[in-house]
Amino acid sequence: MMNETTALRDLRMSRGWSLGDLAAKLGGMVSRQALHKYEGGEMMPSPSVLSEIARVLGVTPLELATGPDCLIEIKAFRKRIGLRAKDEKALRGQFVAEAQKRFAVQFICEGQLRTKEKLQGCCAGMCPEDAAEHMRQHWHFGEAPILNLTACLEDHQIHVILLDACEKFDGVCAVADGGSGELRGYAVGVRRMEAGGRQRLTLAHELGHLVLNTEDEDAAFRFAGALLAPRVVMIRKLGEKRNRIKKAELDALSLELGMSPDAIVHRAYDLEIITKDSYTFWARLLRRNGVKKEDGIPKEDSTWLHRQVMRGYAEKTVSEAQARKWLGDALFVRMVGQDLPSSQWSLRQKNKAERAELLSQGAAAAESYYNGDRFDCVAEAGEVYDDGGLA
């Protein structure tokens, strides 16, 4: 039986509709009072009424009845030799739980049950180079560097999950299906402490598994390199054939494309810009210098969950208890603490101890904000520092 947390209420509120709004969209078929009783579990709609409500909300009757529960099917799990079976099991469980949480948030805060874009197998049968070019065109990337791959994936309903894992774990990707068999979306997982360039390559690699619908690691890796560094761009930057490459050149191209120098060298070898001997030389040198572990590329973070939970909390579709459960108490307090009352009147209404506590919280929030990565760069005299719109 439907209750106060039913899919009907969540879908209605996520669209910003009142009970009266929904009743009006149903053309008088159901009264506001009846809808209130449906949501409170006091009445159940007839099959014809349920179908019409589902049509207005843009979901299937089964989705309206079953809510956000979904099945997470792992399509590829990459690991290295030495990852213990119990650690792999724990990682799989952590990934599935985090993915289910995100699809629940997606449902409640966005009213979005089904993905708008079917990606799995959309490039099946293509060679990795052509598949990467197709995705760049499809997502309107052109030939420009992908500045934030995590944000791009999340914009296309591919949830990016950062996992607390050891170095024996590489990446994972999955597809989510609803109770009615409808596609809910996708999720990919990477190691939280991974170097920035390797993190981006792993994300592109997992995307390759999905769009190519393959477990072939070589094909997924070739797709990842082609997505981040298209053939035309590599040839334009390095030329069609090279005998020697300087480290400074590799470093500059690495920062521009957001790939580690090691991945740049591998990509150049794949495109036959450099010989196998040259690739072997650079691979050994970079490994010896530790570039494979620390490549100098900034790590990307996923902000989707934080933004959506705060959106639901602001619009009152998410309770404080639910927001705390999804974000954790510490993060919830830190994020909500930035919305401290600051008017003179609101401060005068509080006693001295309360005012001191508010000022202390505000100072802590400001310190945390200004100590963030966005303020690491310092503009030279006469220059304006552009933070990329992160504020």
Protein backbone atom coordinates (compact mmCIF):
# COMPACT_ATOMS: atom_id res chain seq x y z
CA MET A 1 0.00 0.00 0.00
CA MET A 2 1.20 3.50 -0.73
CA ASN A 3 2.40 5.55 2.24
CA GLU A 4 3.71 9.04 2.95
CA THR A 5 7.05 8.23 1.34
CA THR A 6 5.49 6.72 -1.76
CA ALA A 7 6.74 7.22 -5.28
CA LEU A 8 3.67 9.34 -6.02
CA ARG A 9 4.57 11.96 -3.43
CA ASP A 10 8.25 11.98 -4.36
CA LEU A 11 7.56 12.36 -8.08
CA ARG A 12 4.98 15.08 -7.50
CA MET A 13 7.18 17.13 -5.18
CA SER A 14 10.29 16.71 -7.34
CA ARG A 15 8.37 18.48 -10.11
CA GLY A 16 7.35 21.29 -7.78
CA TRP A 17 3.64 20.44 -8.08
CA SER A 18 1.08 20.83 -5.32
CA LEU A 19 -1.73 18.34 -4.89
CA GLY A 20 -3.98 20.85 -6.64
CA ASP A 21 -1.55 21.12 -9.55
CA LEU A 22 -1.53 17.36 -10.05
CA ALA A 23 -5.32 17.20 -9.78
CA ALA A 24 -5.59 19.89 -12.47
CA LYS A 25 -3.18 18.04 -14.78
CA LEU A 26 -5.37 14.96 -14.38
CA GLY A 27 -8.28 16.96 -15.80
CA GLY A 28 -10.52 16.50 -12.79
CA MET A 29 -10.31 12.72 -12.95
CA VAL A 30 -9.15 12.66 -9.31
CA SER A 31 -9.72 15.24 -6.59
CA ARG A 32 -7.04 16.85 -4.48
CA GLN A 33 -8.46 15.09 -1.42
CA ALA A 34 -8.25 11.68 -3.11
CA LEU A 35 -4.63 12.28 -4.11
CA HIS A 36 -3.85 13.20 -0.51
CA LYS A 37 -5.35 9.90 0.62
CA TYR A 38 -3.36 7.98 -2.00
CA GLU A 39 -0.16 9.50 -0.69
CA GLY A 40 -1.13 8.85 2.93
CA GLY A 41 -2.00 5.20 2.32
CA GLU A 42 -5.65 5.71 3.20
CA MET A 43 -6.86 4.75 -0.29
CA MET A 44 -5.52 2.92 -3.32
CA PRO A 45 -6.15 4.20 -6.87
CA SER A 46 -7.92 1.99 -9.37
CA PRO A 47 -5.81 0.55 -12.21
CA SER A 48 -7.19 3.13 -14.67
CA VAL A 49 -6.47 6.03 -12.29
CA LEU A 50 -2.98 4.66 -11.54
CA SER A 51 -2.24 4.47 -15.28
CA GLU A 52 -3.37 8.05 -15.84
CA ILE A 53 -1.34 9.39 -12.92
CA ALA A 54 1.70 7.52 -14.24
CA ARG A 55 1.15 9.00 -17.72
CA VAL A 56 1.01 12.55 -16.35
CA LEU A 57 4.18 11.96 -14.32
CA GLY A 58 5.98 10.37 -17.28
CA VAL A 59 6.61 6.97 -15.69
CA THR A 60 5.15 3.47 -16.00
CA PRO A 61 2.43 2.28 -13.59
CA LEU A 62 4.84 -0.31 -12.17
CA GLU A 63 7.51 2.34 -11.53
CA LEU A 64 4.91 4.49 -9.80
CA ALA A 65 3.98 1.56 -7.56
CA THR A 66 7.47 0.19 -6.85
CA GLY A 67 9.52 3.36 -6.38
CA PRO A 68 13.29 3.75 -6.80
CA ASP A 69 14.53 0.24 -5.98
CA CYS A 70 16.79 -1.00 -8.76
CA LEU A 71 19.12 -3.86 -9.64
CA ILE A 72 22.77 -2.91 -10.11
CA GLU A 73 24.41 -5.27 -12.61
CA ILE A 74 28.21 -5.02 -12.70
CA LYS A 75 29.46 -5.26 -16.29
CA ALA A 76 33.21 -5.06 -15.73
CA PHE A 77 35.39 -5.22 -12.61
CA ARG A 78 39.09 -4.57 -13.14
CA LYS A 79 41.63 -5.67 -10.57
CA ARG A 80 45.27 -6.60 -10.38
CA ILE A 81 46.89 -9.76 -9.14
CA GLY A 82 46.91 -9.86 -5.38
CA LEU A 83 43.47 -8.40 -4.58
CA ARG A 84 42.04 -10.71 -1.94
CA ALA A 85 38.63 -12.29 -2.51
CA LYS A 86 37.15 -10.74 0.65
CA ASP A 87 38.42 -7.28 -0.37
CA GLU A 88 36.89 -7.67 -3.83
CA LYS A 89 33.58 -8.71 -2.27
CA ALA A 90 33.66 -5.68 0.04
CA LEU A 91 34.43 -3.33 -2.88
CA ARG A 92 31.59 -4.75 -4.95
CA GLY A 93 29.22 -4.28 -2.01
CA GLN A 94 30.44 -0.72 -1.41
CA PHE A 95 29.99 0.15 -5.07
CA VAL A 96 26.49 -1.35 -5.34
CA ALA A 97 25.32 0.38 -2.13
CA GLU A 98 26.64 3.76 -3.29
CA ALA A 99 25.08 3.30 -6.73
CA GLN A 100 21.68 2.42 -5.27
CA LYS A 101 21.88 5.48 -3.04
CA ARG A 102 22.51 7.73 -6.03
CA PHE A 103 19.62 6.30 -8.01
CA ALA A 104 17.34 6.82 -4.99
CA VAL A 105 18.50 10.46 -4.75
CA GLN A 106 18.03 10.85 -8.52
CA PHE A 107 14.47 9.63 -8.15
CA ILE A 108 13.48 11.73 -5.14
CA CYS A 109 15.30 14.97 -5.99
CA GLU A 110 14.95 14.96 -9.78
CA GLY A 111 11.89 12.80 -10.28
CA GLN A 112 13.98 10.94 -12.84
CA LEU A 113 13.46 7.19 -12.97
CA ARG A 114 14.72 6.29 -16.41
CA THR A 115 17.84 7.49 -18.16
CA LYS A 116 17.37 9.77 -21.13
CA GLU A 117 20.22 8.20 -23.03
CA LYS A 118 20.86 4.52 -23.76
CA LEU A 119 24.63 4.16 -23.85
CA GLN A 120 25.30 0.47 -23.35
CA GLY A 121 26.28 -1.00 -26.70
CA CYS A 122 25.62 2.24 -28.61
CA CYS A 123 29.03 1.77 -30.27
CA ALA A 124 29.03 -2.04 -30.37
CA GLY A 125 30.80 -3.35 -33.44
CA MET A 126 32.81 -0.14 -33.97
CA CYS A 127 36.56 -0.04 -33.62
CA PRO A 128 37.59 1.88 -30.46
CA GLU A 129 38.93 4.85 -32.44
CA ASP A 130 35.65 5.31 -34.32
CA ALA A 131 33.63 4.75 -31.15
CA ALA A 132 35.54 7.48 -29.29
CA GLU A 133 35.07 9.89 -32.20
CA HIS A 134 31.36 9.06 -32.26
CA MET A 135 30.99 9.82 -28.53
CA ARG A 136 32.90 13.09 -28.89
CA GLN A 137 30.55 14.17 -31.66
CA HIS A 138 27.47 12.89 -29.84
CA TRP A 139 28.37 14.81 -26.69
CA HIS A 140 29.55 17.88 -28.67
CA PHE A 141 33.14 17.80 -27.40
CA GLY A 142 34.68 18.58 -30.78
CA GLU A 143 38.46 18.35 -30.59
CA ALA A 144 38.83 20.36 -27.39
CA PRO A 145 40.35 18.81 -24.24
CA ILE A 146 37.77 17.43 -21.80
CA LEU A 147 38.35 19.69 -18.82
CA ASN A 148 36.31 17.70 -16.28
CA LEU A 149 35.42 14.19 -17.33
CA THR A 150 33.59 13.44 -14.07
CA ALA A 151 31.20 16.35 -14.61
CA CYS A 152 30.67 15.33 -18.25
CA LEU A 153 29.74 11.77 -17.25
CA GLU A 154 27.38 12.95 -14.52
CA ASP A 155 25.74 15.39 -16.93
CA HIS A 156 24.81 12.31 -19.00
CA GLN A 157 23.45 10.37 -16.00
CA ILE A 158 26.52 8.22 -15.48
CA HIS A 159 27.12 8.27 -11.74
CA VAL A 160 30.78 8.54 -10.73
CA ILE A 161 31.58 6.80 -7.44
CA LEU A 162 34.90 7.24 -5.65
CA LEU A 163 35.76 4.08 -3.73
CA ASP A 164 38.07 3.63 -0.76
CA ALA A 165 40.19 0.90 -2.30
CA CYS A 166 43.78 -0.30 -2.39
CA GLU A 167 46.08 -0.07 -5.42
CA LYS A 168 45.10 -3.58 -6.50
CA PHE A 169 41.74 -2.22 -7.67
CA ASP A 170 41.42 -0.39 -11.00
CA GLY A 171 37.78 0.29 -11.91
CA VAL A 172 34.23 -0.96 -12.21
CA CYS A 173 31.15 -0.14 -14.30
CA ALA A 174 27.51 -1.17 -13.98
CA VAL A 175 24.03 -0.82 -15.42
CA ALA A 176 20.95 -0.16 -13.26
CA ASP A 177 17.57 -1.68 -14.14
CA GLY A 178 14.24 -0.93 -12.48
CA GLY A 179 11.56 -3.30 -11.28
CA SER A 180 9.78 -3.08 -14.63
CA GLY A 181 12.94 -3.86 -16.57
CA GLU A 182 13.34 -0.24 -17.65
CA LEU A 183 16.88 1.15 -17.81
CA ARG A 184 17.55 3.45 -14.87
CA GLY A 185 21.08 4.53 -15.74
CA TYR A 186 24.78 3.75 -15.33
CA ALA A 187 27.50 3.96 -12.71
CA VAL A 188 31.28 3.78 -12.81
CA GLY A 189 33.68 3.47 -9.90
CA VAL A 190 37.31 4.50 -9.48
CA ARG A 191 39.80 4.54 -6.60
CA ARG A 192 39.49 7.69 -4.49
CA MET A 193 43.24 8.18 -4.00
CA GLU A 194 44.19 7.55 -7.63
CA ALA A 195 46.40 10.09 -9.42
CA GLY A 196 44.39 12.57 -11.48
CA GLY A 197 45.52 11.43 -14.92
CA ARG A 198 45.01 7.77 -14.12
CA GLN A 199 41.61 8.55 -12.61
CA ARG A 200 40.45 10.21 -15.84
CA LEU A 201 41.83 7.38 -17.96
CA THR A 202 40.02 4.85 -15.77
CA LEU A 203 36.73 6.73 -16.10
CA ALA A 204 37.12 6.81 -19.89
CA HIS A 205 38.10 3.13 -19.83
CA GLU A 206 34.91 2.15 -17.95
CA LEU A 207 32.85 4.24 -20.36
CA GLY A 208 34.49 2.25 -23.14
CA HIS A 209 33.30 -1.02 -21.59
CA LEU A 210 29.74 0.34 -21.57
CA VAL A 211 29.46 1.90 -25.03
CA LEU A 212 31.38 -0.91 -26.75
CA ASN A 213 29.49 -3.49 -24.66
CA THR A 214 32.66 -5.52 -24.30
CA GLU A 215 34.87 -6.99 -21.60
CA ASP A 216 37.94 -6.64 -23.84
CA GLU A 217 40.40 -4.59 -21.79
CA ASP A 218 42.58 -3.63 -24.77
CA ALA A 219 39.58 -2.28 -26.68
CA ALA A 220 38.38 -0.29 -23.65
CA PHE A 221 41.88 1.12 -23.10
CA ARG A 222 42.21 2.14 -26.76
CA PHE A 223 38.80 3.84 -26.53
CA ALA A 224 39.88 5.74 -23.41
CA GLY A 225 43.04 7.05 -25.07
CA ALA A 226 41.13 8.08 -28.19
CA LEU A 227 38.44 9.84 -26.15
CA LEU A 228 40.91 11.94 -24.16
CA ALA A 229 43.46 12.42 -26.96
CA PRO A 230 41.88 12.21 -30.44
CA ARG A 231 44.08 11.12 -33.33
CA VAL A 232 43.92 14.49 -35.10
CA VAL A 233 44.96 16.32 -31.93
CA MET A 234 47.89 14.00 -31.25
CA ILE A 235 49.18 14.32 -34.80
CA ARG A 236 48.75 18.09 -34.69
CA LYS A 237 50.70 18.32 -31.44
CA LEU A 238 53.43 15.73 -32.06
CA GLY A 239 53.50 15.22 -35.81
CA GLU A 240 52.94 12.00 -37.75
CA LYS A 241 56.36 10.50 -36.93
CA ARG A 242 58.85 11.32 -34.18
CA ASN A 243 62.34 10.05 -33.44
CA ARG A 244 62.81 11.92 -30.17
CA ILE A 245 60.49 13.59 -27.67
CA LYS A 246 61.61 15.84 -24.84
CA LYS A 247 60.23 15.46 -21.30
CA ALA A 248 59.07 19.10 -21.24
CA GLU A 249 56.98 18.45 -24.35
CA LEU A 250 55.36 15.42 -22.75
CA ASP A 251 54.63 17.37 -19.56
CA ALA A 252 52.98 20.23 -21.46
CA LEU A 253 50.79 17.89 -23.50
CA SER A 254 49.96 15.90 -20.37
CA LEU A 255 48.59 18.98 -18.60
CA GLU A 256 46.72 20.15 -21.69
CA LEU A 257 44.91 16.85 -22.29
CA GLY A 258 44.58 15.74 -18.67
CA MET A 259 46.47 12.48 -19.24
CA SER A 260 49.58 11.20 -17.53
CA PRO A 261 52.84 11.39 -19.53
CA ASP A 262 52.84 7.59 -19.50
CA ALA A 263 49.39 7.50 -21.13
CA ILE A 264 50.50 10.13 -23.69
CA VAL A 265 53.46 7.94 -24.66
CA HIS A 266 51.24 4.88 -24.93
CA ARG A 267 48.78 6.81 -27.10
CA ALA A 268 51.60 7.98 -29.37
CA TYR A 269 52.73 4.38 -29.76
CA ASP A 270 49.17 3.20 -30.55
CA LEU A 271 49.01 5.80 -33.33
CA GLU A 272 52.48 4.74 -34.59
CA ILE A 273 53.86 8.22 -34.01
CA ILE A 274 56.76 6.70 -32.08
CA THR A 275 58.41 3.28 -32.40
CA LYS A 276 58.20 0.42 -29.93
CA ASP A 277 61.78 1.08 -28.80
CA SER A 278 60.95 4.71 -28.05
CA TYR A 279 57.82 3.69 -26.16
CA THR A 280 59.75 1.13 -24.11
CA PHE A 281 62.41 3.71 -23.23
CA TRP A 282 59.88 6.27 -22.02
CA ALA A 283 57.73 3.74 -20.17
CA ARG A 284 60.74 2.56 -18.15
CA LEU A 285 61.98 6.10 -17.48
CA LEU A 286 58.59 7.37 -16.33
CA ARG A 287 58.02 4.33 -14.14
CA ARG A 288 61.43 4.79 -12.55
CA ASN A 289 60.68 8.45 -11.81
CA GLY A 290 57.35 7.61 -10.16
CA VAL A 291 55.24 9.44 -12.74
CA LYS A 292 52.79 6.54 -12.95
CA LYS A 293 51.76 7.12 -9.33
CA GLU A 294 51.88 10.93 -9.24
CA ASP A 295 51.30 12.44 -12.67
CA GLY A 296 50.63 16.06 -11.64
CA ILE A 297 47.06 16.08 -13.06
CA PRO A 298 44.49 17.48 -10.57
CA LYS A 299 42.12 14.88 -9.15
CA GLU A 300 38.45 15.26 -10.05
CA ASP A 301 35.71 15.04 -7.46
CA SER A 302 32.05 14.15 -7.83
CA THR A 303 29.69 16.86 -6.55
CA TRP A 304 26.44 15.43 -7.93
CA LEU A 305 25.29 13.73 -4.73
CA HIS A 306 26.01 16.78 -2.55
CA ARG A 307 24.23 19.15 -4.93
CA GLN A 308 21.15 16.98 -5.37
CA VAL A 309 20.70 16.24 -1.66
CA MET A 310 21.03 19.94 -0.82
CA ARG A 311 18.55 20.71 -3.61
CA GLY A 312 16.05 18.25 -2.14
CA TYR A 313 16.67 19.57 1.37
CA ALA A 314 16.13 23.17 0.24
CA GLU A 315 12.93 22.26 -1.60
CA LYS A 316 11.78 20.11 1.36
CA THR A 317 11.49 16.93 -0.69
CA VAL A 318 14.27 15.49 1.52
CA SER A 319 14.04 15.52 5.30
CA GLU A 320 16.96 16.45 7.52
CA ALA A 321 17.21 12.86 8.72
CA GLN A 322 17.39 11.56 5.15
CA ALA A 323 19.95 14.20 4.14
CA ARG A 324 22.12 13.28 7.12
CA LYS A 325 21.85 9.60 6.21
CA TRP A 326 22.93 10.19 2.60
CA LEU A 327 25.71 12.71 3.29
CA GLY A 328 26.82 11.72 6.77
CA ASP A 329 26.46 13.95 9.82
CA ALA A 330 29.80 15.73 9.47
CA LEU A 331 29.34 16.70 5.81
CA PHE A 332 25.70 17.69 6.34
CA VAL A 333 26.60 20.02 9.21
CA ARG A 334 29.47 21.53 7.24
CA MET A 335 27.30 22.19 4.17
CA VAL A 336 24.28 23.52 6.05
CA GLY A 337 26.56 25.56 8.28
CA GLN A 338 27.30 27.82 5.31
CA ASP A 339 23.66 28.98 5.40
CA LEU A 340 24.05 30.67 8.80
CA PRO A 341 21.63 33.52 9.62
CA SER A 342 23.58 36.74 9.18
CA SER A 343 21.10 39.60 9.56
CA GLN A 344 21.57 42.01 12.45
CA TRP A 345 18.08 41.31 13.76
CA SER A 346 18.52 37.53 13.77
CA LEU A 347 21.77 37.90 15.69
CA ARG A 348 20.24 40.31 18.24
CA GLN A 349 17.54 37.73 19.01
CA LYS A 350 20.17 35.25 20.24
CA ASN A 351 22.04 35.32 23.52
CA LYS A 352 25.76 35.96 23.79
CA ALA A 353 26.75 32.29 23.76
CA GLU A 354 24.57 31.56 20.70
CA ARG A 355 26.03 34.53 18.81
CA ALA A 356 29.56 33.40 19.63
CA GLU A 357 28.77 29.89 18.38
CA LEU A 358 27.32 31.22 15.12
CA LEU A 359 30.35 33.43 14.52
CA SER A 360 32.66 30.51 15.26
CA GLN A 361 30.82 28.28 12.77
CA GLY A 362 30.93 31.03 10.15
CA ALA A 363 34.67 31.48 10.63
CA ALA A 364 35.24 27.71 10.31
CA ALA A 365 33.14 27.55 7.12
CA ALA A 366 35.02 30.51 5.63
CA GLU A 367 38.39 29.00 6.52
CA SER A 368 37.42 25.69 4.90
CA TYR A 369 36.18 27.51 1.78
CA TYR A 370 39.22 29.73 1.27
CA ASN A 371 41.67 26.90 1.98
CA GLY A 372 40.18 24.88 -0.88
CA ASP A 373 41.99 23.98 -4.11
CA ARG A 374 40.32 26.79 -6.06
CA PHE A 375 42.40 29.38 -4.19
CA ASP A 376 45.74 27.64 -4.68
CA CYS A 377 46.55 29.74 -7.77
CA VAL A 378 47.86 33.27 -7.35
CA ALA A 379 47.55 35.89 -10.08
CA GLU A 380 50.58 37.92 -11.05
CA ALA A 381 50.46 41.71 -10.88
CA GLY A 382 48.14 43.07 -13.55
CA GLU A 383 46.44 39.67 -14.12
CA VAL A 384 42.99 38.39 -13.18
CA TYR A 385 42.75 34.84 -11.90
CA ASP A 386 39.84 32.91 -13.44
CA ASP A 387 38.66 30.07 -11.18
CA GLY A 388 36.71 28.42 -13.98
CA GLY A 389 33.34 29.28 -12.50
CA LEU A 390 33.75 26.98 -9.50
CA ALA A 391 32.56 29.50 -6.94
